[in-house]
C-alpha atoms as a PDB file:
ATOM      1  CA  MET A   1     -30.411  -4.616  20.076  1.00  0.00           C
ATOM      2  CA  GLY A   2     -33.026  -2.213  18.822  1.00  0.00           C
ATOM      3  CA  GLU A   3     -33.001   0.686  16.423  1.00  0.00           C
ATOM      4  CA  ILE A   4     -29.550   2.186  15.750  1.00  0.00           C
ATOM      5  CA  ARG A   5     -30.634   5.539  17.265  1.00  0.00           C
ATOM      6  CA  ASP A   6     -31.587   3.814  20.538  1.00  0.00           C
ATOM      7  CA  VAL A   7     -28.282   1.924  20.644  1.00  0.00           C
ATOM      8  CA  GLN A   8     -26.364   5.141  19.954  1.00  0.00           C
ATOM      9  CA  ASN A   9     -28.144   6.979  22.730  1.00  0.00           C
ATOM     10  CA  GLU A  10     -27.508   4.217  25.232  1.00  0.00           C
ATOM     11  CA  ILE A  11     -23.752   4.087  24.328  1.00  0.00           C
ATOM     12  CA  LYS A  12     -23.511   7.857  24.796  1.00  0.00           C
ATOM     13  CA  GLU A  13     -24.516   7.400  28.480  1.00  0.00           C
ATOM     14  CA  TYR A  14     -21.191   5.643  29.132  1.00  0.00           C
ATOM     15  CA  LEU A  15     -18.951   8.102  27.312  1.00  0.00           C
ATOM     16  CA  PRO A  16     -17.362  11.365  28.431  1.00  0.00           C
ATOM     17  CA  ASP A  17     -19.065  14.404  26.915  1.00  0.00           C
ATOM     18  CA  ASP A  18     -16.207  15.161  24.520  1.00  0.00           C
ATOM     19  CA  CYS A  19     -16.401  11.649  22.991  1.00  0.00           C
ATOM     20  CA  LYS A  20     -20.146  11.388  22.428  1.00  0.00           C
ATOM     21  CA  ASP A  21     -20.095  12.750  18.868  1.00  0.00           C
ATOM     22  CA  ILE A  22     -18.195   9.693  17.607  1.00  0.00           C
ATOM     23  CA  VAL A  23     -21.255   7.562  18.367  1.00  0.00           C
ATOM     24  CA  GLU A  24     -23.023   9.182  15.380  1.00  0.00           C
ATOM     25  CA  SER A  25     -20.612   7.233  13.118  1.00  0.00           C
ATOM     26  CA  LEU A  26     -21.890   3.860  14.397  1.00  0.00           C
ATOM     27  CA  GLU A  27     -23.996   1.856  11.976  1.00  0.00           C
ATOM     28  CA  TYR A  28     -25.233  -1.674  11.610  1.00  0.00           C
ATOM     29  CA  ARG A  29     -22.825  -3.647   9.463  1.00  0.00           C
ATOM     30  CA  TYR A  30     -24.077  -7.218   9.732  1.00  0.00           C
ATOM     31  CA  ASP A  31     -27.662  -8.370   9.312  1.00  0.00           C
ATOM     32  CA  ASP A  32     -26.760 -12.018   9.658  1.00  0.00           C
ATOM     33  CA  ALA A  33     -23.206 -12.076  10.886  1.00  0.00           C
ATOM     34  CA  ASP A  34     -21.142 -14.967   9.597  1.00  0.00           C
ATOM     35  CA  ILE A  35     -18.522 -15.957  12.173  1.00  0.00           C
ATOM     36  CA  GLU A  36     -15.954 -16.646   9.472  1.00  0.00           C
ATOM     37  CA  ASP A  37     -16.334 -13.111   8.089  1.00  0.00           C
ATOM     38  CA  ILE A  38     -16.071 -11.598  11.572  1.00  0.00           C
ATOM     39  CA  LEU A  39     -12.945 -13.613  12.413  1.00  0.00           C
ATOM     40  CA  GLU A  40     -11.358 -12.631   9.075  1.00  0.00           C
ATOM     41  CA  GLU A  41     -12.059  -8.951   9.780  1.00  0.00           C
ATOM     42  CA  ILE A  42     -10.554  -9.257  13.243  1.00  0.00           C
ATOM     43  CA  LYS A  43      -7.457 -10.892  11.779  1.00  0.00           C
ATOM     44  CA  GLU A  44      -7.088  -8.077   9.223  1.00  0.00           C
ATOM     45  CA  LEU A  45      -7.427  -5.426  11.925  1.00  0.00           C
ATOM     46  CA  ASP A  46      -4.838  -7.158  14.085  1.00  0.00           C
ATOM     47  CA  GLU A  47      -2.408  -7.273  11.147  1.00  0.00           C
ATOM     48  CA  GLU A  48      -2.934  -3.551  10.488  1.00  0.00           C
ATOM     49  CA  MET A  49      -2.247  -2.777  14.173  1.00  0.00           C
ATOM     50  CA  GLU A  50       1.094  -4.625  14.005  1.00  0.00           C
ATOM     51  CA  VAL A  51       2.441  -2.329  11.340  1.00  0.00           C
END
């Protein structure tokens, strides 16, 4: 994907001006993503959204 700064700048191109600052919070979280970890995180997020 490239350096995080490059990714952030590209994402900003698709956002309205008043939302662009949130992109600064993005960071790489997975060097070698393990599908089981990702699925577990999605499941936890879904459970939080149900509350």
